[in-house]
Amino acid sequence: MQITISTGDITASSADAIVNAANSSLLGGGGVDGAIHQAAGPALLGACRELRAGAYRQGLATGDAVATPAFDLPSRWVIHTVGPNARAGETDPALLASCFRRSLDVAEELGAETVAFPAVSAGVYGWDPATVAEVALRTVRDYPARTVRSVEFVLFSEPSEIVFRRAWQVLAATSGTGTEDDPS
């Protein structure tokens, strides 16, 4: 699987699926979640309300993921995942890894070949960006993809991109395989 890291606006991504750092209500919020809802248009909120009226009456669990159409976005799908909130005591890296793994599971079920991720939980949820980068990159690198061919981490700022690139270098240096190239 090809992994790339860039600074940009995830709502402009033409990946088959973009991942939304959602809250458990699935009904929009701030940060990446708010930007995706705004760019996708009101139909996204309608689709999320349908999810809440059906299988997700209690909301989406932390670490889980579910998809909707992308509506007015250039991608085909939005995969919503709820990252752990460190400010609320959710500090288990396995829960964070689950966000990335479950999002890839959903992408595989959809037949998506390309997926764009934000730095889930590194914003208002208070996780250290370096920890998010290490967990995200390791989880994606080790995922046994069948359909997904390319993952791009689309980060909001250049400092976040630098943190992800450093984490990639550390991961490559400690993997011992010698096959990890610096992602573009």
C-alpha atoms as a PDB file:
ATOM      1  CA  MET A   1       0.000   0.000   0.000  1.00  0.00           C
ATOM      2  CA  GLN A   2       1.331   3.449  -0.883  1.00  0.00           C
ATOM      3  CA  ILE A   3       1.317   5.979   1.965  1.00  0.00           C
ATOM      4  CA  THR A   4       1.639   9.713   1.366  1.00  0.00           C
ATOM      5  CA  ILE A   5       1.698  12.657   3.751  1.00  0.00           C
ATOM      6  CA  SER A   6       0.667  16.185   2.822  1.00  0.00           C
ATOM      7  CA  THR A   7      -0.676  19.455   4.170  1.00  0.00           C
ATOM      8  CA  GLY A   8      -4.030  20.443   2.757  1.00  0.00           C
ATOM      9  CA  ASP A   9      -7.789  20.532   2.945  1.00  0.00           C
ATOM     10  CA  ILE A  10      -9.206  17.031   3.241  1.00  0.00           C
ATOM     11  CA  THR A  11     -12.538  18.250   1.853  1.00  0.00           C
ATOM     12  CA  ALA A  12     -10.790  18.874  -1.485  1.00  0.00           C
ATOM     13  CA  SER A  13      -9.408  15.325  -1.661  1.00  0.00           C
ATOM     14  CA  SER A  14     -10.479  13.223  -4.617  1.00  0.00           C
ATOM     15  CA  ALA A  15      -9.722   9.977  -2.779  1.00  0.00           C
ATOM     16  CA  ASP A  16     -12.470   7.382  -3.085  1.00  0.00           C
ATOM     17  CA  ALA A  17     -13.128   7.829   0.631  1.00  0.00           C
ATOM     18  CA  ILE A  18     -12.198  10.526   3.102  1.00  0.00           C
ATOM     19  CA  VAL A  19     -12.206   9.841   6.819  1.00  0.00           C
ATOM     20  CA  ASN A  20     -14.084  12.168   9.127  1.00  0.00           C
ATOM     21  CA  ALA A  21     -12.867  12.636  12.690  1.00  0.00           C
ATOM     22  CA  ALA A  22     -16.461  12.575  13.907  1.00  0.00           C
ATOM     23  CA  ASN A  23     -18.006  12.756  17.325  1.00  0.00           C
ATOM     24  CA  SER A  24     -20.216   9.910  18.516  1.00  0.00           C
ATOM     25  CA  SER A  25     -23.422  11.774  17.633  1.00  0.00           C
ATOM     26  CA  LEU A  26     -22.456  11.757  13.925  1.00  0.00           C
ATOM     27  CA  LEU A  27     -24.337  15.047  13.643  1.00  0.00           C
ATOM     28  CA  GLY A  28     -21.430  17.367  12.928  1.00  0.00           C
ATOM     29  CA  GLY A  29     -19.151  19.373  15.144  1.00  0.00           C
ATOM     30  CA  GLY A  30     -16.041  21.501  14.881  1.00  0.00           C
ATOM     31  CA  GLY A  31     -12.674  21.054  13.224  1.00  0.00           C
ATOM     32  CA  VAL A  32     -12.436  18.418  10.494  1.00  0.00           C
ATOM     33  CA  ASP A  33     -15.958  17.192  11.292  1.00  0.00           C
ATOM     34  CA  GLY A  34     -17.491  20.638  10.806  1.00  0.00           C
ATOM     35  CA  ALA A  35     -15.494  21.287   7.635  1.00  0.00           C
ATOM     36  CA  ILE A  36     -16.576  17.978   6.082  1.00  0.00           C
ATOM     37  CA  HIS A  37     -20.229  18.531   6.975  1.00  0.00           C
ATOM     38  CA  GLN A  38     -20.134  22.046   5.557  1.00  0.00           C
ATOM     39  CA  ALA A  39     -18.420  21.027   2.314  1.00  0.00           C
ATOM     40  CA  ALA A  40     -20.608  17.937   1.793  1.00  0.00           C
ATOM     41  CA  GLY A  41     -23.812  19.944   2.108  1.00  0.00           C
ATOM     42  CA  PRO A  42     -26.968  19.291   4.125  1.00  0.00           C
ATOM     43  CA  ALA A  43     -27.529  15.828   2.646  1.00  0.00           C
ATOM     44  CA  LEU A  44     -24.625  14.513   4.749  1.00  0.00           C
ATOM     45  CA  LEU A  45     -26.382  15.549   7.951  1.00  0.00           C
ATOM     46  CA  GLY A  46     -29.513  13.850   6.648  1.00  0.00           C
ATOM     47  CA  ALA A  47     -27.609  10.615   6.023  1.00  0.00           C
ATOM     48  CA  CYS A  48     -26.082  10.791   9.497  1.00  0.00           C
ATOM     49  CA  ARG A  49     -29.535  11.340  11.017  1.00  0.00           C
ATOM     50  CA  GLU A  50     -30.700   8.193   9.204  1.00  0.00           C
ATOM     51  CA  LEU A  51     -27.814   6.250  10.768  1.00  0.00           C
ATOM     52  CA  ARG A  52     -28.819   7.588  14.186  1.00  0.00           C
ATOM     53  CA  ALA A  53     -32.440   6.567  13.589  1.00  0.00           C
ATOM     54  CA  GLY A  54     -31.340   3.048  12.685  1.00  0.00           C
ATOM     55  CA  ALA A  55     -28.379   0.956  13.805  1.00  0.00           C
ATOM     56  CA  TYR A  56     -26.625   3.804  15.641  1.00  0.00           C
ATOM     57  CA  ARG A  57     -29.372   5.043  17.985  1.00  0.00           C
ATOM     58  CA  GLN A  58     -26.806   5.398  20.772  1.00  0.00           C
ATOM     59  CA  GLY A  59     -24.257   6.990  18.448  1.00  0.00           C
ATOM     60  CA  LEU A  60     -21.077   5.571  16.982  1.00  0.00           C
ATOM     61  CA  ALA A  61     -18.745   3.952  19.513  1.00  0.00           C
ATOM     62  CA  THR A  62     -15.231   5.284  20.021  1.00  0.00           C
ATOM     63  CA  GLY A  63     -12.859   3.393  17.725  1.00  0.00           C
ATOM     64  CA  ASP A  64     -15.581   2.298  15.309  1.00  0.00           C
ATOM     65  CA  ALA A  65     -16.338   3.539  11.780  1.00  0.00           C
ATOM     66  CA  VAL A  66     -19.299   3.790   9.413  1.00  0.00           C
ATOM     67  CA  ALA A  67     -19.711   5.220   5.900  1.00  0.00           C
ATOM     68  CA  THR A  68     -22.095   7.561   4.137  1.00  0.00           C
ATOM     69  CA  PRO A  69     -22.088   8.958   0.622  1.00  0.00           C
ATOM     70  CA  ALA A  70     -19.920  12.061   0.221  1.00  0.00           C
ATOM     71  CA  PHE A  71     -22.632  14.151  -1.481  1.00  0.00           C
ATOM     72  CA  ASP A  72     -21.079  17.496  -2.585  1.00  0.00           C
ATOM     73  CA  LEU A  73     -17.486  16.427  -1.867  1.00  0.00           C
ATOM     74  CA  PRO A  74     -15.195  15.236  -4.688  1.00  0.00           C
ATOM     75  CA  SER A  75     -14.791  11.840  -2.985  1.00  0.00           C
ATOM     76  CA  ARG A  76     -17.390   9.061  -3.200  1.00  0.00           C
ATOM     77  CA  TRP A  77     -17.721   8.263   0.494  1.00  0.00           C
ATOM     78  CA  VAL A  78     -17.157   9.728   3.919  1.00  0.00           C
ATOM     79  CA  ILE A  79     -16.018   7.232   6.520  1.00  0.00           C
ATOM     80  CA  HIS A  80     -16.902   8.558   9.956  1.00  0.00           C
ATOM     81  CA  THR A  81     -14.770   7.395  12.873  1.00  0.00           C
ATOM     82  CA  VAL A  82     -14.848   8.465  16.489  1.00  0.00           C
ATOM     83  CA  GLY A  83     -11.412   9.002  17.952  1.00  0.00           C
ATOM     84  CA  PRO A  84     -10.705   8.631  21.647  1.00  0.00           C
ATOM     85  CA  ASN A  85     -10.884  11.837  23.645  1.00  0.00           C
ATOM     86  CA  ALA A  86      -7.756  12.163  25.806  1.00  0.00           C
ATOM     87  CA  ARG A  87      -9.336  15.108  27.638  1.00  0.00           C
ATOM     88  CA  ALA A  88     -12.094  12.725  28.767  1.00  0.00           C
ATOM     89  CA  GLY A  89      -9.596  10.068  29.891  1.00  0.00           C
ATOM     90  CA  GLU A  90      -9.625   7.946  26.719  1.00  0.00           C
ATOM     91  CA  THR A  91      -5.868   7.437  26.397  1.00  0.00           C
ATOM     92  CA  ASP A  92      -5.514   3.845  25.199  1.00  0.00           C
ATOM     93  CA  PRO A  93      -3.469   3.757  21.951  1.00  0.00           C
ATOM     94  CA  ALA A  94      -5.314   0.566  20.952  1.00  0.00           C
ATOM     95  CA  LEU A  95      -8.546   2.559  20.809  1.00  0.00           C
ATOM     96  CA  LEU A  96      -6.858   5.124  18.565  1.00  0.00           C
ATOM     97  CA  ALA A  97      -5.457   2.371  16.330  1.00  0.00           C
ATOM     98  CA  SER A  98      -8.965   0.944  16.056  1.00  0.00           C
ATOM     99  CA  CYS A  99     -10.131   4.174  14.366  1.00  0.00           C
ATOM    100  CA  PHE A 100      -7.647   3.701  11.555  1.00  0.00           C
ATOM    101  CA  ARG A 101      -8.133  -0.066  11.280  1.00  0.00           C
ATOM    102  CA  ARG A 102     -11.950   0.109  11.318  1.00  0.00           C
ATOM    103  CA  SER A 103     -11.890   2.932   8.761  1.00  0.00           C
ATOM    104  CA  LEU A 104      -9.785   0.736   6.470  1.00  0.00           C
ATOM    105  CA  ASP A 105     -12.165  -2.180   7.088  1.00  0.00           C
ATOM    106  CA  VAL A 106     -15.070   0.002   5.960  1.00  0.00           C
ATOM    107  CA  ALA A 107     -13.059   1.241   2.946  1.00  0.00           C
ATOM    108  CA  GLU A 108     -12.399  -2.368   1.962  1.00  0.00           C
ATOM    109  CA  GLU A 109     -16.121  -3.202   2.281  1.00  0.00           C
ATOM    110  CA  LEU A 110     -16.919  -0.263  -0.015  1.00  0.00           C
ATOM    111  CA  GLY A 111     -14.285  -1.275  -2.563  1.00  0.00           C
ATOM    112  CA  ALA A 112     -12.370   1.987  -2.114  1.00  0.00           C
ATOM    113  CA  GLU A 113      -8.874   2.006  -3.576  1.00  0.00           C
ATOM    114  CA  THR A 114      -7.795   5.375  -2.174  1.00  0.00           C
ATOM    115  CA  VAL A 115      -8.407   6.754   1.322  1.00  0.00           C
ATOM    116  CA  ALA A 116      -7.549  10.125   2.896  1.00  0.00           C
ATOM    117  CA  PHE A 117      -7.143  10.425   6.667  1.00  0.00           C
ATOM    118  CA  PRO A 118      -6.867  13.443   8.967  1.00  0.00           C
ATOM    119  CA  ALA A 119      -4.908  13.282  12.237  1.00  0.00           C
ATOM    120  CA  VAL A 120      -7.772  11.687  14.181  1.00  0.00           C
ATOM    121  CA  SER A 121      -7.871  12.840  17.836  1.00  0.00           C
ATOM    122  CA  ALA A 122      -4.911  15.228  17.483  1.00  0.00           C
ATOM    123  CA  GLY A 123      -7.104  18.320  17.640  1.00  0.00           C
ATOM    124  CA  VAL A 124      -9.704  19.171  20.234  1.00  0.00           C
ATOM    125  CA  TYR A 125      -9.564  15.600  21.619  1.00  0.00           C
ATOM    126  CA  GLY A 126      -6.121  16.403  23.004  1.00  0.00           C
ATOM    127  CA  TRP A 127      -3.912  13.562  21.799  1.00  0.00           C
ATOM    128  CA  ASP A 128      -0.234  14.356  21.271  1.00  0.00           C
ATOM    129  CA  PRO A 129       0.221  14.678  17.481  1.00  0.00           C
ATOM    130  CA  ALA A 130       3.411  12.574  17.598  1.00  0.00           C
ATOM    131  CA  THR A 131       1.508   9.707  19.235  1.00  0.00           C
ATOM    132  CA  VAL A 132      -1.312  10.006  16.706  1.00  0.00           C
ATOM    133  CA  ALA A 133       1.221   9.959  13.868  1.00  0.00           C
ATOM    134  CA  GLU A 134       3.037   6.888  15.183  1.00  0.00           C
ATOM    135  CA  VAL A 135      -0.175   4.930  15.845  1.00  0.00           C
ATOM    136  CA  ALA A 136      -1.783   5.968  12.548  1.00  0.00           C
ATOM    137  CA  LEU A 137       1.226   5.213  10.371  1.00  0.00           C
ATOM    138  CA  ARG A 138       1.971   1.874  12.047  1.00  0.00           C
ATOM    139  CA  THR A 139      -1.676   0.784  11.837  1.00  0.00           C
ATOM    140  CA  VAL A 140      -2.025   1.733   8.180  1.00  0.00           C
ATOM    141  CA  ARG A 141       1.354   0.273   7.207  1.00  0.00           C
ATOM    142  CA  ASP A 142       0.534  -3.054   8.877  1.00  0.00           C
ATOM    143  CA  TYR A 143      -3.039  -3.302   7.576  1.00  0.00           C
ATOM    144  CA  PRO A 144      -3.598  -6.342   5.314  1.00  0.00           C
ATOM    145  CA  ALA A 145      -5.259  -4.411   2.476  1.00  0.00           C
ATOM    146  CA  ARG A 146      -6.911  -6.178  -0.419  1.00  0.00           C
ATOM    147  CA  THR A 147      -8.683  -3.288  -2.159  1.00  0.00           C
ATOM    148  CA  VAL A 148      -7.119  -0.166  -0.666  1.00  0.00           C
ATOM    149  CA  ARG A 149      -4.005   0.699  -2.668  1.00  0.00           C
ATOM    150  CA  SER A 150      -3.208   4.193  -1.433  1.00  0.00           C
ATOM    151  CA  VAL A 151      -3.615   6.094   1.833  1.00  0.00           C
ATOM    152  CA  GLU A 152      -2.923   9.784   2.138  1.00  0.00           C
ATOM    153  CA  PHE A 153      -2.653  11.592   5.432  1.00  0.00           C
ATOM    154  CA  VAL A 154      -4.028  15.062   4.666  1.00  0.00           C
ATOM    155  CA  LEU A 155      -2.964  17.248   7.548  1.00  0.00           C
ATOM    156  CA  PHE A 156      -4.277  20.671   8.437  1.00  0.00           C
ATOM    157  CA  SER A 157      -0.923  22.361   9.018  1.00  0.00           C
ATOM    158  CA  GLU A 158       2.705  22.147   8.013  1.00  0.00           C
ATOM    159  CA  PRO A 159       3.807  21.460  11.628  1.00  0.00           C
ATOM    160  CA  SER A 160       1.475  18.420  11.654  1.00  0.00           C
ATOM    161  CA  GLU A 161       2.961  17.242   8.381  1.00  0.00           C
ATOM    162  CA  ILE A 162       6.452  17.524   9.865  1.00  0.00           C
ATOM    163  CA  VAL A 163       5.382  15.482  12.903  1.00  0.00           C
ATOM    164  CA  PHE A 164       3.974  12.750  10.632  1.00  0.00           C
ATOM    165  CA  ARG A 165       7.112  12.690   8.474  1.00  0.00           C
ATOM    166  CA  ARG A 166       9.320  12.357  11.562  1.00  0.00           C
ATOM    167  CA  ALA A 167       7.140   9.515  12.864  1.00  0.00           C
ATOM    168  CA  TRP A 168       7.433   7.801   9.482  1.00  0.00           C
ATOM    169  CA  GLN A 169      11.226   8.067   9.608  1.00  0.00           C
ATOM    170  CA  VAL A 170      11.321   6.560  13.110  1.00  0.00           C
ATOM    171  CA  LEU A 171       8.950   3.775  12.079  1.00  0.00           C
ATOM    172  CA  ALA A 172      11.061   3.010   9.004  1.00  0.00           C
ATOM    173  CA  ALA A 173      14.288   3.022  11.029  1.00  0.00           C
ATOM    174  CA  THR A 174      12.910   0.640  13.650  1.00  0.00           C
ATOM    175  CA  SER A 175      11.136  -1.743  11.279  1.00  0.00           C
ATOM    176  CA  GLY A 176      14.341  -3.376  10.127  1.00  0.00           C
ATOM    177  CA  THR A 177      12.897  -4.133   6.687  1.00  0.00           C
ATOM    178  CA  GLY A 178      14.712  -1.414   4.795  1.00  0.00           C
ATOM    179  CA  THR A 179      11.719  -1.085   2.463  1.00  0.00           C
ATOM    180  CA  GLU A 180      10.066   2.034   3.845  1.00  0.00           C
ATOM    181  CA  ASP A 181      10.643   5.018   1.599  1.00  0.00           C
ATOM    182  CA  ASP A 182       9.885   8.537   2.712  1.00  0.00           C
ATOM    183  CA  PRO A 183       6.280   9.079   1.622  1.00  0.00           C
ATOM    184  CA  SER A 184       5.737  11.921  -0.828  1.00  0.00           C
END
